[in-house]
Full PDB file with SEQRES, HELIX, SHEET, SSBOND, CRYST1, ORIGX, SCALE, CONECT and MASTER records, all heavy atoms in Angstrom:
SEQRES   1 A   39  ASN ASP LYS LYS LYS ASN VAL ILE VAL VAL SER ILE PRO          
SEQRES   2 A   39  ASP TYR ALA PHE THR PRO PHE GLY ARG GLY SER ALA SER          
SEQRES   3 A   39  ILE SER THR GLU ILE ASP LYS TYR ASN GLU PHE ALA LYS          
HELIX    1 AA1 LYS A    4  ASN A    6  5                                   3    
HELIX    2 AA2 TYR A   15  PHE A   17  5                                   3    
HELIX    3 AA3 ALA A   25  ALA A   38  1                                  14    
CRYST1    1.000    1.000    1.000  90.00  90.00  90.00 P 1           1          
ORIGX1      1.000000  0.000000  0.000000        0.00000                         
ORIGX2      0.000000  1.000000  0.000000        0.00000                         
ORIGX3      0.000000  0.000000  1.000000        0.00000                         
SCALE1      1.000000  0.000000  0.000000        0.00000                         
SCALE2      0.000000  1.000000  0.000000        0.00000                         
SCALE3      0.000000  0.000000  1.000000        0.00000                         
ATOM      1  N   ASN A   1      -9.013  74.554   4.961  1.00  0.00           N  
ATOM      2  CA  ASN A   1      -7.728  74.865   4.713  1.00  0.00           C  
ATOM      3  C   ASN A   1      -6.972  73.734   4.254  1.00  0.00           C  
ATOM      4  O   ASN A   1      -5.760  73.581   4.709  1.00  0.00           O  
ATOM      5  CB  ASN A   1      -7.217  75.513   5.902  1.00  0.00           C  
ATOM      6  CG  ASN A   1      -6.000  76.288   5.695  1.00  0.00           C  
ATOM      7  OD1 ASN A   1      -5.650  76.678   4.547  1.00  0.00           O  
ATOM      8  ND2 ASN A   1      -5.101  76.545   6.631  1.00  0.00           N  
ATOM      9  N   ASP A   2      -7.529  72.754   3.522  1.00  0.00           N  
ATOM     10  CA  ASP A   2      -6.978  71.614   2.953  1.00  0.00           C  
ATOM     11  C   ASP A   2      -6.414  70.709   4.016  1.00  0.00           C  
ATOM     12  O   ASP A   2      -5.452  69.939   3.904  1.00  0.00           O  
ATOM     13  CB  ASP A   2      -5.681  72.085   1.983  1.00  0.00           C  
ATOM     14  CG  ASP A   2      -6.200  72.537   0.694  1.00  0.00           C  
ATOM     15  OD1 ASP A   2      -7.323  72.083   0.329  1.00  0.00           O  
ATOM     16  OD2 ASP A   2      -5.474  73.422   0.101  1.00  0.00           O  
ATOM     17  N   LYS A   3      -7.205  70.729   5.262  1.00  0.00           N  
ATOM     18  CA  LYS A   3      -6.797  69.814   6.235  1.00  0.00           C  
ATOM     19  C   LYS A   3      -7.839  68.871   6.510  1.00  0.00           C  
ATOM     20  O   LYS A   3      -8.887  69.154   7.072  1.00  0.00           O  
ATOM     21  CB  LYS A   3      -6.463  70.570   7.583  1.00  0.00           C  
ATOM     22  CG  LYS A   3      -5.245  71.485   7.490  1.00  0.00           C  
ATOM     23  CD  LYS A   3      -5.131  72.368   8.754  1.00  0.00           C  
ATOM     24  CE  LYS A   3      -3.957  73.303   8.729  1.00  0.00           C  
ATOM     25  NZ  LYS A   3      -3.771  74.034   9.930  1.00  0.00           N  
ATOM     26  N   LYS A   4      -7.716  67.569   6.045  1.00  0.00           N  
ATOM     27  CA  LYS A   4      -8.725  66.592   6.005  1.00  0.00           C  
ATOM     28  C   LYS A   4      -9.092  66.166   7.466  1.00  0.00           C  
ATOM     29  O   LYS A   4     -10.161  65.668   7.845  1.00  0.00           O  
ATOM     30  CB  LYS A   4      -8.493  65.388   5.301  1.00  0.00           C  
ATOM     31  CG  LYS A   4      -7.216  64.532   5.655  1.00  0.00           C  
ATOM     32  CD  LYS A   4      -7.148  63.336   4.671  1.00  0.00           C  
ATOM     33  CE  LYS A   4      -5.999  62.526   5.055  1.00  0.00           C  
ATOM     34  NZ  LYS A   4      -5.703  61.422   4.133  1.00  0.00           N  
ATOM     35  N   LYS A   5      -8.089  66.362   8.475  1.00  0.00           N  
ATOM     36  CA  LYS A   5      -8.260  65.980   9.756  1.00  0.00           C  
ATOM     37  C   LYS A   5      -9.240  66.864  10.520  1.00  0.00           C  
ATOM     38  O   LYS A   5      -9.865  66.619  11.554  1.00  0.00           O  
ATOM     39  CB  LYS A   5      -6.965  66.153  10.577  1.00  0.00           C  
ATOM     40  CG  LYS A   5      -6.461  67.509  10.811  1.00  0.00           C  
ATOM     41  CD  LYS A   5      -5.274  67.542  11.655  1.00  0.00           C  
ATOM     42  CE  LYS A   5      -4.760  68.956  11.981  1.00  0.00           C  
ATOM     43  NZ  LYS A   5      -5.616  69.668  12.854  1.00  0.00           N  
ATOM     44  N   ASN A   6      -9.650  68.021   9.883  1.00  0.00           N  
ATOM     45  CA  ASN A   6     -10.592  68.943  10.422  1.00  0.00           C  
ATOM     46  C   ASN A   6     -11.907  68.865   9.916  1.00  0.00           C  
ATOM     47  O   ASN A   6     -12.788  69.735  10.022  1.00  0.00           O  
ATOM     48  CB  ASN A   6     -10.096  70.421  10.338  1.00  0.00           C  
ATOM     49  CG  ASN A   6      -8.975  70.824  11.284  1.00  0.00           C  
ATOM     50  OD1 ASN A   6      -8.541  69.879  11.996  1.00  0.00           O  
ATOM     51  ND2 ASN A   6      -8.400  71.893  11.169  1.00  0.00           N  
ATOM     52  N   VAL A   7     -12.217  67.640   9.185  1.00  0.00           N  
ATOM     53  CA  VAL A   7     -13.546  67.302   8.631  1.00  0.00           C  
ATOM     54  C   VAL A   7     -14.220  66.369   9.482  1.00  0.00           C  
ATOM     55  O   VAL A   7     -13.487  65.346   9.771  1.00  0.00           O  
ATOM     56  CB  VAL A   7     -13.391  67.029   7.187  1.00  0.00           C  
ATOM     57  CG1 VAL A   7     -14.880  66.556   6.628  1.00  0.00           C  
ATOM     58  CG2 VAL A   7     -12.825  68.145   6.396  1.00  0.00           C  
ATOM     59  N   ILE A   8     -15.385  66.381   9.764  1.00  0.00           N  
ATOM     60  CA  ILE A   8     -16.350  65.377  10.314  1.00  0.00           C  
ATOM     61  C   ILE A   8     -17.453  64.986   9.592  1.00  0.00           C  
ATOM     62  O   ILE A   8     -18.216  65.943   9.305  1.00  0.00           O  
ATOM     63  CB  ILE A   8     -16.703  65.776  11.753  1.00  0.00           C  
ATOM     64  CG1 ILE A   8     -15.465  66.001  12.700  1.00  0.00           C  
ATOM     65  CG2 ILE A   8     -17.646  64.764  12.379  1.00  0.00           C  
ATOM     66  CD1 ILE A   8     -15.805  66.592  14.082  1.00  0.00           C  
ATOM     67  N   VAL A   9     -17.656  63.728   9.174  1.00  0.00           N  
ATOM     68  CA  VAL A   9     -18.764  63.354   8.528  1.00  0.00           C  
ATOM     69  C   VAL A   9     -19.752  62.737   9.436  1.00  0.00           C  
ATOM     70  O   VAL A   9     -19.245  61.841  10.404  1.00  0.00           O  
ATOM     71  CB  VAL A   9     -18.406  62.336   7.369  1.00  0.00           C  
ATOM     72  CG1 VAL A   9     -19.591  61.639   6.884  1.00  0.00           C  
ATOM     73  CG2 VAL A   9     -17.605  63.016   6.347  1.00  0.00           C  
ATOM     74  N   VAL A  10     -20.926  63.048   9.462  1.00  0.00           N  
ATOM     75  CA  VAL A  10     -22.004  62.520  10.377  1.00  0.00           C  
ATOM     76  C   VAL A  10     -22.875  61.557   9.590  1.00  0.00           C  
ATOM     77  O   VAL A  10     -23.260  61.859   8.549  1.00  0.00           O  
ATOM     78  CB  VAL A  10     -22.877  63.644  11.093  1.00  0.00           C  
ATOM     79  CG1 VAL A  10     -23.838  63.056  11.969  1.00  0.00           C  
ATOM     80  CG2 VAL A  10     -21.917  64.705  11.671  1.00  0.00           C  
ATOM     81  N   SER A  11     -23.115  60.407  10.227  1.00  0.00           N  
ATOM     82  CA  SER A  11     -23.951  59.374   9.445  1.00  0.00           C  
ATOM     83  C   SER A  11     -25.373  59.876   9.353  1.00  0.00           C  
ATOM     84  O   SER A  11     -25.933  60.789   9.976  1.00  0.00           O  
ATOM     85  CB  SER A  11     -23.972  58.100  10.227  1.00  0.00           C  
ATOM     86  OG  SER A  11     -24.722  58.123  11.396  1.00  0.00           O  
ATOM     87  N   ILE A  12     -26.139  59.264   8.331  1.00  0.00           N  
ATOM     88  CA  ILE A  12     -27.444  59.660   8.001  1.00  0.00           C  
ATOM     89  C   ILE A  12     -28.410  59.130   9.009  1.00  0.00           C  
ATOM     90  O   ILE A  12     -28.381  57.950   9.264  1.00  0.00           O  
ATOM     91  CB  ILE A  12     -27.803  59.276   6.583  1.00  0.00           C  
ATOM     92  CG1 ILE A  12     -26.882  59.800   5.630  1.00  0.00           C  
ATOM     93  CG2 ILE A  12     -29.222  59.625   6.303  1.00  0.00           C  
ATOM     94  CD1 ILE A  12     -27.077  59.147   4.196  1.00  0.00           C  
ATOM     95  N   PRO A  13     -29.294  59.870   9.660  1.00  0.00           N  
ATOM     96  CA  PRO A  13     -30.231  59.345  10.558  1.00  0.00           C  
ATOM     97  C   PRO A  13     -31.272  58.473   9.784  1.00  0.00           C  
ATOM     98  O   PRO A  13     -31.380  58.514   8.685  1.00  0.00           O  
ATOM     99  CB  PRO A  13     -31.005  60.657  11.126  1.00  0.00           C  
ATOM    100  CG  PRO A  13     -29.920  61.795  10.853  1.00  0.00           C  
ATOM    101  CD  PRO A  13     -29.264  61.427   9.662  1.00  0.00           C  
ATOM    102  N   ASP A  14     -31.892  57.708  10.649  1.00  0.00           N  
ATOM    103  CA  ASP A  14     -32.881  56.694  10.073  1.00  0.00           C  
ATOM    104  C   ASP A  14     -34.303  57.063  10.346  1.00  0.00           C  
ATOM    105  O   ASP A  14     -34.826  56.943  11.516  1.00  0.00           O  
ATOM    106  CB  ASP A  14     -32.682  55.281  10.581  1.00  0.00           C  
ATOM    107  CG  ASP A  14     -33.376  54.278   9.821  1.00  0.00           C  
ATOM    108  OD1 ASP A  14     -34.308  54.592   9.058  1.00  0.00           O  
ATOM    109  OD2 ASP A  14     -33.200  53.041  10.052  1.00  0.00           O  
ATOM    110  N   TYR A  15     -34.976  57.731   9.283  1.00  0.00           N  
ATOM    111  CA  TYR A  15     -36.332  58.115   9.590  1.00  0.00           C  
ATOM    112  C   TYR A  15     -37.401  57.176   9.556  1.00  0.00           C  
ATOM    113  O   TYR A  15     -38.532  57.383   9.698  1.00  0.00           O  
ATOM    114  CB  TYR A  15     -36.665  59.354   8.499  1.00  0.00           C  
ATOM    115  CG  TYR A  15     -36.886  58.838   7.131  1.00  0.00           C  
ATOM    116  CD1 TYR A  15     -38.024  58.432   6.558  1.00  0.00           C  
ATOM    117  CD2 TYR A  15     -35.732  58.865   6.196  1.00  0.00           C  
ATOM    118  CE1 TYR A  15     -38.235  58.062   5.170  1.00  0.00           C  
ATOM    119  CE2 TYR A  15     -35.923  58.517   4.939  1.00  0.00           C  
ATOM    120  CZ  TYR A  15     -37.116  58.029   4.406  1.00  0.00           C  
ATOM    121  OH  TYR A  15     -37.130  57.628   3.141  1.00  0.00           O  
ATOM    122  N   ALA A  16     -36.996  55.904   9.359  1.00  0.00           N  
ATOM    123  CA  ALA A  16     -37.911  54.785   9.481  1.00  0.00           C  
ATOM    124  C   ALA A  16     -38.525  54.643  10.875  1.00  0.00           C  
ATOM    125  O   ALA A  16     -39.637  54.330  11.116  1.00  0.00           O  
ATOM    126  CB  ALA A  16     -37.218  53.500   9.104  1.00  0.00           C  
ATOM    127  N   PHE A  17     -37.639  55.141  11.881  1.00  0.00           N  
ATOM    128  CA  PHE A  17     -38.073  55.085  13.201  1.00  0.00           C  
ATOM    129  C   PHE A  17     -38.710  56.314  13.655  1.00  0.00           C  
ATOM    130  O   PHE A  17     -38.388  56.897  14.750  1.00  0.00           O  
ATOM    131  CB  PHE A  17     -36.760  54.765  14.038  1.00  0.00           C  
ATOM    132  CG  PHE A  17     -36.323  53.335  13.812  1.00  0.00           C  
ATOM    133  CD1 PHE A  17     -35.564  52.916  12.810  1.00  0.00           C  
ATOM    134  CD2 PHE A  17     -36.637  52.260  14.746  1.00  0.00           C  
ATOM    135  CE1 PHE A  17     -35.102  51.693  12.678  1.00  0.00           C  
ATOM    136  CE2 PHE A  17     -36.306  50.959  14.517  1.00  0.00           C  
ATOM    137  CZ  PHE A  17     -35.459  50.635  13.355  1.00  0.00           C  
ATOM    138  N   THR A  18     -39.651  56.735  12.878  1.00  0.00           N  
ATOM    139  CA  THR A  18     -40.571  57.970  13.226  1.00  0.00           C  
ATOM    140  C   THR A  18     -42.031  57.638  12.833  1.00  0.00           C  
ATOM    141  O   THR A  18     -42.132  56.623  12.148  1.00  0.00           O  
ATOM    142  CB  THR A  18     -40.039  59.176  12.310  1.00  0.00           C  
ATOM    143  OG1 THR A  18     -40.323  58.921  10.886  1.00  0.00           O  
ATOM    144  CG2 THR A  18     -38.603  59.413  12.493  1.00  0.00           C  
ATOM    145  N   PRO A  19     -42.910  58.319  13.302  1.00  0.00           N  
ATOM    146  CA  PRO A  19     -44.233  58.091  12.876  1.00  0.00           C  
ATOM    147  C   PRO A  19     -44.379  58.173  11.296  1.00  0.00           C  
ATOM    148  O   PRO A  19     -45.207  57.425  10.707  1.00  0.00           O  
ATOM    149  CB  PRO A  19     -45.058  59.293  13.606  1.00  0.00           C  
ATOM    150  CG  PRO A  19     -44.285  59.534  14.867  1.00  0.00           C  
ATOM    151  CD  PRO A  19     -42.785  59.376  14.447  1.00  0.00           C  
ATOM    152  N   PHE A  20     -43.671  59.026  10.698  1.00  0.00           N  
ATOM    153  CA  PHE A  20     -43.686  59.098   9.359  1.00  0.00           C  
ATOM    154  C   PHE A  20     -43.079  57.810   8.628  1.00  0.00           C  
ATOM    155  O   PHE A  20     -43.775  57.301   7.663  1.00  0.00           O  
ATOM    156  CB  PHE A  20     -42.844  60.321   8.791  1.00  0.00           C  
ATOM    157  CG  PHE A  20     -42.891  60.517   7.322  1.00  0.00           C  
ATOM    158  CD1 PHE A  20     -43.847  61.276   6.622  1.00  0.00           C  
ATOM    159  CD2 PHE A  20     -41.849  59.895   6.537  1.00  0.00           C  
ATOM    160  CE1 PHE A  20     -43.816  61.411   5.182  1.00  0.00           C  
ATOM    161  CE2 PHE A  20     -41.755  59.978   5.153  1.00  0.00           C  
ATOM    162  CZ  PHE A  20     -42.825  60.741   4.480  1.00  0.00           C  
ATOM    163  N   GLY A  21     -42.100  57.370   9.073  1.00  0.00           N  
ATOM    164  CA  GLY A  21     -41.439  56.214   8.509  1.00  0.00           C  
ATOM    165  C   GLY A  21     -42.044  54.789   8.940  1.00  0.00           C  
ATOM    166  O   GLY A  21     -41.955  53.843   8.135  1.00  0.00           O  
ATOM    167  N   ARG A  22     -42.848  54.822   9.960  1.00  0.00           N  
ATOM    168  CA  ARG A  22     -43.626  53.662  10.378  1.00  0.00           C  
ATOM    169  C   ARG A  22     -42.798  52.332  10.505  1.00  0.00           C  
ATOM    170  O   ARG A  22     -43.272  51.291  10.199  1.00  0.00           O  
ATOM    171  CB  ARG A  22     -44.805  53.423   9.496  1.00  0.00           C  
ATOM    172  CG  ARG A  22     -45.785  54.629   9.447  1.00  0.00           C  
ATOM    173  CD  ARG A  22     -46.871  54.396   8.551  1.00  0.00           C  
ATOM    174  NE  ARG A  22     -48.004  55.520   8.500  1.00  0.00           N  
ATOM    175  CZ  ARG A  22     -49.042  55.590   7.778  1.00  0.00           C  
ATOM    176  NH1 ARG A  22     -49.358  54.563   6.982  1.00  0.00           N  
ATOM    177  NH2 ARG A  22     -49.772  56.623   7.857  1.00  0.00           N  
ATOM    178  N   GLY A  23     -41.534  52.534  10.819  1.00  0.00           N  
ATOM    179  CA  GLY A  23     -40.802  51.304  10.979  1.00  0.00           C  
ATOM    180  C   GLY A  23     -40.426  50.511   9.792  1.00  0.00           C  
ATOM    181  O   GLY A  23     -40.114  49.290   9.806  1.00  0.00           O  
ATOM    182  N   SER A  24     -40.370  51.303   8.651  1.00  0.00           N  
ATOM    183  CA  SER A  24     -40.138  50.524   7.304  1.00  0.00           C  
ATOM    184  C   SER A  24     -38.694  49.913   7.299  1.00  0.00           C  
ATOM    185  O   SER A  24     -37.728  50.629   7.447  1.00  0.00           O  
ATOM    186  CB  SER A  24     -40.250  51.642   6.210  1.00  0.00           C  
ATOM    187  OG  SER A  24     -39.831  51.016   5.093  1.00  0.00           O  
ATOM    188  N   ALA A  25     -38.708  48.633   7.124  1.00  0.00           N  
ATOM    189  CA  ALA A  25     -37.462  47.846   7.030  1.00  0.00           C  
ATOM    190  C   ALA A  25     -36.762  48.215   5.788  1.00  0.00           C  
ATOM    191  O   ALA A  25     -35.390  48.389   5.805  1.00  0.00           O  
ATOM    192  CB  ALA A  25     -37.720  46.442   7.158  1.00  0.00           C  
ATOM    193  N   SER A  26     -37.505  48.544   4.749  1.00  0.00           N  
ATOM    194  CA  SER A  26     -36.874  48.868   3.465  1.00  0.00           C  
ATOM    195  C   SER A  26     -36.043  50.172   3.558  1.00  0.00           C  
ATOM    196  O   SER A  26     -34.957  50.398   3.053  1.00  0.00           O  
ATOM    197  CB  SER A  26     -37.855  48.975   2.312  1.00  0.00           C  
ATOM    198  OG  SER A  26     -38.759  49.902   2.497  1.00  0.00           O  
ATOM    199  N   ILE A  27     -36.597  51.236   4.322  1.00  0.00           N  
ATOM    200  CA  ILE A  27     -35.997  52.503   4.423  1.00  0.00           C  
ATOM    201  C   ILE A  27     -34.692  52.255   5.138  1.00  0.00           C  
ATOM    202  O   ILE A  27     -33.602  52.777   4.697  1.00  0.00           O  
ATOM    203  CB  ILE A  27     -36.805  53.502   5.180  1.00  0.00           C  
ATOM    204  CG1 ILE A  27     -38.051  53.999   4.438  1.00  0.00           C  
ATOM    205  CG2 ILE A  27     -36.025  54.812   5.720  1.00  0.00           C  
ATOM    206  CD1 ILE A  27     -39.099  54.750   5.051  1.00  0.00           C  
ATOM    207  N   SER A  28     -34.764  51.577   6.220  1.00  0.00           N  
ATOM    208  CA  SER A  28     -33.527  51.225   6.976  1.00  0.00           C  
ATOM    209  C   SER A  28     -32.433  50.546   6.312  1.00  0.00           C  
ATOM    210  O   SER A  28     -31.214  50.963   6.277  1.00  0.00           O  
ATOM    211  CB  SER A  28     -33.860  50.305   8.254  1.00  0.00           C  
ATOM    212  OG  SER A  28     -34.711  51.013   9.109  1.00  0.00           O  
ATOM    213  N   THR A  29     -32.784  49.568   5.435  1.00  0.00           N  
ATOM    214  CA  THR A  29     -31.824  48.926   4.570  1.00  0.00           C  
ATOM    215  C   THR A  29     -31.158  49.750   3.648  1.00  0.00           C  
ATOM    216  O   THR A  29     -30.060  49.715   3.363  1.00  0.00           O  
ATOM    217  CB  THR A  29     -32.545  47.804   3.794  1.00  0.00           C  
ATOM    218  OG1 THR A  29     -33.162  46.811   4.769  1.00  0.00           O  
ATOM    219  CG2 THR A  29     -31.647  47.034   2.931  1.00  0.00           C  
ATOM    220  N   GLU A  30     -31.980  50.714   3.018  1.00  0.00           N  
ATOM    221  CA  GLU A  30     -31.379  51.648   2.065  1.00  0.00           C  
ATOM    222  C   GLU A  30     -30.504  52.805   2.747  1.00  0.00           C  
ATOM    223  O   GLU A  30     -29.367  53.038   2.211  1.00  0.00           O  
ATOM    224  CB  GLU A  30     -32.457  52.365   1.286  1.00  0.00           C  
ATOM    225  CG  GLU A  30     -33.229  51.442   0.337  1.00  0.00           C  
ATOM    226  CD  GLU A  30     -34.451  52.100  -0.227  1.00  0.00           C  
ATOM    227  OE1 GLU A  30     -34.678  53.276   0.038  1.00  0.00           O  
ATOM    228  OE2 GLU A  30     -35.101  51.297  -1.010  1.00  0.00           O  
ATOM    229  N   ILE A  31     -30.895  53.166   3.929  1.00  0.00           N  
ATOM    230  CA  ILE A  31     -30.014  54.069   4.685  1.00  0.00           C  
ATOM    231  C   ILE A  31     -28.698  53.407   5.097  1.00  0.00           C  
ATOM    232  O   ILE A  31     -27.672  54.051   5.044  1.00  0.00           O  
ATOM    233  CB  ILE A  31     -30.812  54.572   5.997  1.00  0.00           C  
ATOM    234  CG1 ILE A  31     -31.938  55.387   5.663  1.00  0.00           C  
ATOM    235  CG2 ILE A  31     -29.789  55.306   6.917  1.00  0.00           C  
ATOM    236  CD1 ILE A  31     -31.698  56.829   5.086  1.00  0.00           C  
ATOM    237  N   ASP A  32     -28.754  52.162   5.480  1.00  0.00           N  
ATOM    238  CA  ASP A  32     -27.557  51.436   5.855  1.00  0.00           C  
ATOM    239  C   ASP A  32     -26.529  51.388   4.592  1.00  0.00           C  
ATOM    240  O   ASP A  32     -25.376  51.467   4.813  1.00  0.00           O  
ATOM    241  CB  ASP A  32     -27.863  49.918   6.167  1.00  0.00           C  
ATOM    242  CG  ASP A  32     -28.371  49.810   7.549  1.00  0.00           C  
ATOM    243  OD1 ASP A  32     -28.139  50.882   8.377  1.00  0.00           O  
ATOM    244  OD2 ASP A  32     -29.020  48.795   7.829  1.00  0.00           O  
ATOM    245  N   LYS A  33     -27.129  51.262   3.388  1.00  0.00           N  
ATOM    246  CA  LYS A  33     -26.214  51.144   2.132  1.00  0.00           C  
ATOM    247  C   LYS A  33     -25.555  52.512   1.981  1.00  0.00           C  
ATOM    248  O   LYS A  33     -24.286  52.656   1.660  1.00  0.00           O  
ATOM    249  CB  LYS A  33     -27.069  50.844   0.927  1.00  0.00           C  
ATOM    250  CG  LYS A  33     -27.691  49.432   0.959  1.00  0.00           C  
ATOM    251  CD  LYS A  33     -28.493  49.195  -0.280  1.00  0.00           C  
ATOM    252  CE  LYS A  33     -28.944  47.827  -0.423  1.00  0.00           C  
ATOM    253  NZ  LYS A  33     -29.826  47.572  -1.593  1.00  0.00           N  
ATOM    254  N   TYR A  34     -26.219  53.654   2.140  1.00  0.00           N  
ATOM    255  CA  TYR A  34     -25.585  54.988   2.185  1.00  0.00           C  
ATOM    256  C   TYR A  34     -24.545  55.185   3.171  1.00  0.00           C  
ATOM    257  O   TYR A  34     -23.438  55.570   2.914  1.00  0.00           O  
ATOM    258  CB  TYR A  34     -26.703  56.010   2.267  1.00  0.00           C  
ATOM    259  CG  TYR A  34     -27.433  56.288   0.944  1.00  0.00           C  
ATOM    260  CD1 TYR A  34     -28.480  55.454   0.557  1.00  0.00           C  
ATOM    261  CD2 TYR A  34     -27.014  57.217  -0.074  1.00  0.00           C  
ATOM    262  CE1 TYR A  34     -29.130  55.777  -0.634  1.00  0.00           C  
ATOM    263  CE2 TYR A  34     -27.686  57.481  -1.151  1.00  0.00           C  
ATOM    264  CZ  TYR A  34     -28.891  56.673  -1.464  1.00  0.00           C  
ATOM    265  OH  TYR A  34     -29.490  56.795  -2.695  1.00  0.00           O  
ATOM    266  N   ASN A  35     -24.757  54.848   4.386  1.00  0.00           N  
ATOM    267  CA  ASN A  35     -23.995  54.906   5.494  1.00  0.00           C  
ATOM    268  C   ASN A  35     -22.696  54.061   5.381  1.00  0.00           C  
ATOM    269  O   ASN A  35     -21.619  54.464   5.723  1.00  0.00           O  
ATOM    270  CB  ASN A  35     -24.673  54.779   6.846  1.00  0.00           C  
ATOM    271  CG  ASN A  35     -25.563  55.883   7.353  1.00  0.00           C  
ATOM    272  OD1 ASN A  35     -25.207  57.071   6.998  1.00  0.00           O  
ATOM    273  ND2 ASN A  35     -26.593  55.625   8.055  1.00  0.00           N  
ATOM    274  N   GLU A  36     -22.849  52.865   4.908  1.00  0.00           N  
ATOM    275  CA  GLU A  36     -21.900  52.011   4.602  1.00  0.00           C  
ATOM    276  C   GLU A  36     -20.820  52.567   3.696  1.00  0.00           C  
ATOM    277  O   GLU A  36     -19.616  52.444   3.873  1.00  0.00           O  
ATOM    278  CB  GLU A  36     -22.308  50.583   4.210  1.00  0.00           C  
ATOM    279  CG  GLU A  36     -21.167  49.618   4.101  1.00  0.00           C  
ATOM    280  CD  GLU A  36     -21.811  48.186   3.650  1.00  0.00           C  
ATOM    281  OE1 GLU A  36     -22.882  48.013   3.297  1.00  0.00           O  
ATOM    282  OE2 GLU A  36     -20.954  47.188   3.603  1.00  0.00           O  
ATOM    283  N   PHE A  37     -21.342  53.103   2.696  1.00  0.00           N  
ATOM    284  CA  PHE A  37     -20.517  53.709   1.644  1.00  0.00           C  
ATOM    285  C   PHE A  37     -19.652  54.781   2.230  1.00  0.00           C  
ATOM    286  O   PHE A  37     -18.461  54.961   2.012  1.00  0.00           O  
ATOM    287  CB  PHE A  37     -21.200  54.190   0.361  1.00  0.00           C  
ATOM    288  CG  PHE A  37     -20.391  54.891  -0.675  1.00  0.00           C  
ATOM    289  CD1 PHE A  37     -19.547  54.091  -1.594  1.00  0.00           C  
ATOM    290  CD2 PHE A  37     -20.266  56.248  -0.595  1.00  0.00           C  
ATOM    291  CE1 PHE A  37     -18.716  54.766  -2.390  1.00  0.00           C  
ATOM    292  CE2 PHE A  37     -19.313  56.886  -1.559  1.00  0.00           C  
ATOM    293  CZ  PHE A  37     -18.682  56.118  -2.322  1.00  0.00           C  
ATOM    294  N   ALA A  38     -20.433  55.681   2.854  1.00  0.00           N  
ATOM    295  CA  ALA A  38     -19.748  56.894   3.393  1.00  0.00           C  
ATOM    296  C   ALA A  38     -18.717  56.497   4.433  1.00  0.00           C  
ATOM    297  O   ALA A  38     -17.597  57.069   4.543  1.00  0.00           O  
ATOM    298  CB  ALA A  38     -20.801  57.837   4.022  1.00  0.00           C  
ATOM    299  N   LYS A  39     -19.028  55.520   5.281  1.00  0.00           N  
ATOM    300  CA  LYS A  39     -18.112  55.130   6.394  1.00  0.00           C  
ATOM    301  C   LYS A  39     -16.833  54.458   5.766  1.00  0.00           C  
ATOM    302  O   LYS A  39     -15.716  54.839   6.180  1.00  0.00           O  
ATOM    303  CB  LYS A  39     -18.761  54.132   7.291  1.00  0.00           C  
ATOM    304  CG  LYS A  39     -17.808  53.590   8.389  1.00  0.00           C  
ATOM    305  CD  LYS A  39     -18.520  52.567   9.273  1.00  0.00           C  
ATOM    306  CE  LYS A  39     -17.579  52.049  10.349  1.00  0.00           C  
ATOM    307  NZ  LYS A  39     -18.277  50.953  11.200  1.00  0.00           N  
TER     308      LYS A  39                                                      
MASTER        0    0    0    3    0    0    0    6  307    1    0    3          
END                                                                             
């Protein structure tokens, strides 16, 4: 209803810290860039 106060943006989870991601530092670095821009 055109009320920006009623919007919540949630940061992107970091899938590097999963068995699939295997602790990849590069994934975390890239996720940080996205979250930094959004924040």
